[in-house]
Protein backbone atom coordinates (compact mmCIF):
# COMPACT_ATOMS: atom_id res chain seq x y z
CA UNK A 1 11.69 -5.82 8.12
CA UNK A 2 9.65 -3.92 5.57
CA UNK A 3 9.98 -5.16 2.02
CA UNK A 4 10.42 -2.62 -0.77
CA UNK A 5 8.33 -3.90 -3.66
CA UNK A 6 8.16 -2.44 -7.16
CA UNK A 7 4.60 -2.02 -8.46
CA UNK A 8 5.17 -4.70 -11.12
CA UNK A 9 6.25 -7.16 -8.39
CA UNK A 10 3.35 -6.53 -6.01
CA UNK A 11 1.18 -9.42 -7.23
CA UNK A 12 4.06 -11.85 -6.62
CA UNK A 13 4.63 -10.38 -3.13
CA UNK A 14 0.95 -10.81 -2.29
CA UNK A 15 1.02 -14.39 -3.65
CA UNK A 16 3.70 -15.53 -1.17
CA UNK A 17 0.91 -16.33 1.31
CA UNK A 18 -2.42 -16.64 -0.50
CA UNK A 19 -4.22 -17.42 2.77
CA UNK A 20 -3.37 -13.95 4.14
CA UNK A 21 -5.90 -11.78 2.30
CA UNK A 22 -3.79 -9.10 0.58
CA UNK A 23 -4.47 -5.43 1.25
CA UNK A 24 -3.10 -2.41 -0.57
CA UNK A 25 -3.28 0.40 1.97
CA UNK A 26 -3.41 3.76 0.20
CA UNK A 27 -2.30 6.37 2.75
CA UNK A 28 -2.67 9.40 0.47
CA UNK A 29 -5.14 12.22 1.00
CA UNK A 30 -8.60 12.02 -0.62
CA UNK A 31 -7.75 14.66 -3.25
CA UNK A 32 -4.74 12.58 -4.29
CA UNK A 33 -6.84 9.43 -4.68
CA UNK A 34 -9.32 11.39 -6.81
CA UNK A 35 -6.43 12.50 -9.02
CA UNK A 36 -4.91 9.04 -9.46
CA UNK A 37 -5.86 5.65 -8.09
CA UNK A 38 -5.20 1.98 -8.68
CA UNK A 39 -7.76 -0.63 -9.63
CA UNK A 40 -7.86 -3.56 -7.21
CA UNK A 41 -6.79 -6.77 -8.89
CA UNK A 42 -6.37 -9.72 -6.56
CA UNK A 43 -6.19 -7.52 -3.48
CA UNK A 44 -8.41 -5.30 -1.36
CA UNK A 45 -7.80 -1.57 -1.74
CA UNK A 46 -8.20 0.26 1.57
CA UNK A 47 -7.82 4.03 1.74
CA UNK A 48 -6.82 5.52 5.09
CA UNK A 49 -4.93 8.83 5.04
CA UNK A 50 -1.60 8.59 6.87
CA UNK A 51 -2.66 10.81 9.77
CA UNK A 52 -5.77 8.69 10.40
CA UNK A 53 -4.00 5.31 10.54
CA UNK A 54 -3.39 5.29 14.32
CA UNK A 55 -7.06 6.00 15.08
CA UNK A 56 -8.26 3.48 12.48
CA UNK A 57 -5.77 0.70 13.19
CA UNK A 58 -8.62 -1.68 14.10
CA UNK A 59 -9.71 -1.64 10.43
CA UNK A 60 -6.56 -3.60 9.58
CA UNK A 61 -5.80 -7.23 10.40
CA UNK A 62 -2.25 -8.10 11.43
CA UNK A 63 -2.75 -11.52 9.78
CA UNK A 64 -3.06 -9.96 6.34
CA UNK A 65 -0.28 -9.07 3.92
CA UNK A 66 -0.34 -5.27 3.79
CA UNK A 67 1.42 -3.20 1.16
CA UNK A 68 1.42 0.55 1.75
CA UNK A 69 1.13 3.09 -1.06
CA UNK A 70 1.53 6.86 -1.24
CA UNK A 71 2.70 9.33 -3.89
CA UNK A 72 6.44 8.53 -3.96
CA UNK A 73 6.97 6.07 -1.10
CA UNK A 74 8.01 8.15 1.92
CA UNK A 75 4.66 8.41 3.74
CA UNK A 76 3.84 4.78 3.04
CA UNK A 77 7.23 3.72 4.45
CA UNK A 78 6.45 5.61 7.69
CA UNK A 79 3.02 3.94 7.89
CA UNK A 80 4.59 0.52 7.29
CA UNK A 81 7.06 1.19 10.11
CA UNK A 82 4.18 2.20 12.40
CA UNK A 83 2.28 -0.97 11.51
CA UNK A 84 5.39 -3.05 12.16
CA UNK A 85 5.65 -1.51 15.63
CA UNK A 86 2.02 -2.49 16.20
CA UNK A 87 2.32 -6.19 15.48
CA UNK A 88 2.12 -6.40 11.69
CA UNK A 89 4.75 -8.65 10.15
CA UNK A 90 3.86 -9.15 6.48
CA UNK A 91 4.49 -5.60 5.29
CA UNK A 92 5.70 -3.96 2.13
CA UNK A 93 6.20 -0.44 0.90
CA UNK A 94 5.31 0.11 -2.75
CA UNK A 95 8.64 1.53 -3.90
CA UNK A 96 8.16 4.78 -5.77
CA UNK A 97 4.48 4.99 -4.86
CA UNK A 98 1.67 5.72 -7.28
CA UNK A 99 4.09 7.66 -9.45
CA UNK A 100 6.12 4.48 -10.06
CA UNK A 101 2.87 2.55 -10.45
CA UNK A 102 1.98 4.83 -13.37
CA UNK A 103 5.45 4.77 -14.96
CA UNK A 104 6.26 1.08 -14.49
CA UNK A 105 3.00 -0.82 -14.19
CA UNK A 106 -0.10 1.00 -15.45
CA UNK A 107 0.37 4.08 -17.64
CA UNK A 108 -3.41 4.69 -17.52
CA UNK A 109 -2.94 5.94 -13.94
CA UNK A 110 -2.38 9.71 -14.16
CA UNK A 111 0.81 11.21 -12.78
CA UNK A 112 0.69 14.31 -10.60
């Protein structure tokens, strides 16, 4: 199952298993990350565009808690489903994506 986690609840989701180094996987394109990005706070931020995830799967550790992030949540949900099919269990989709992050959690992050 893939958890749907609001941006404001992400820290609590990561804290469920502090031994599993938390990763926020940003699956947006480079131009999107240049437009708006999050600042890592208690997690590692890893940027792999959605279409590159299969080829770069070895960069991720199935023992980590991985939350996926995109613009509104659809691409990140697909990536989370792919990761789940490839042995990842501790997965979340950041509900509403970076847009929700800006509106609900950090208004300093630009909306686009």
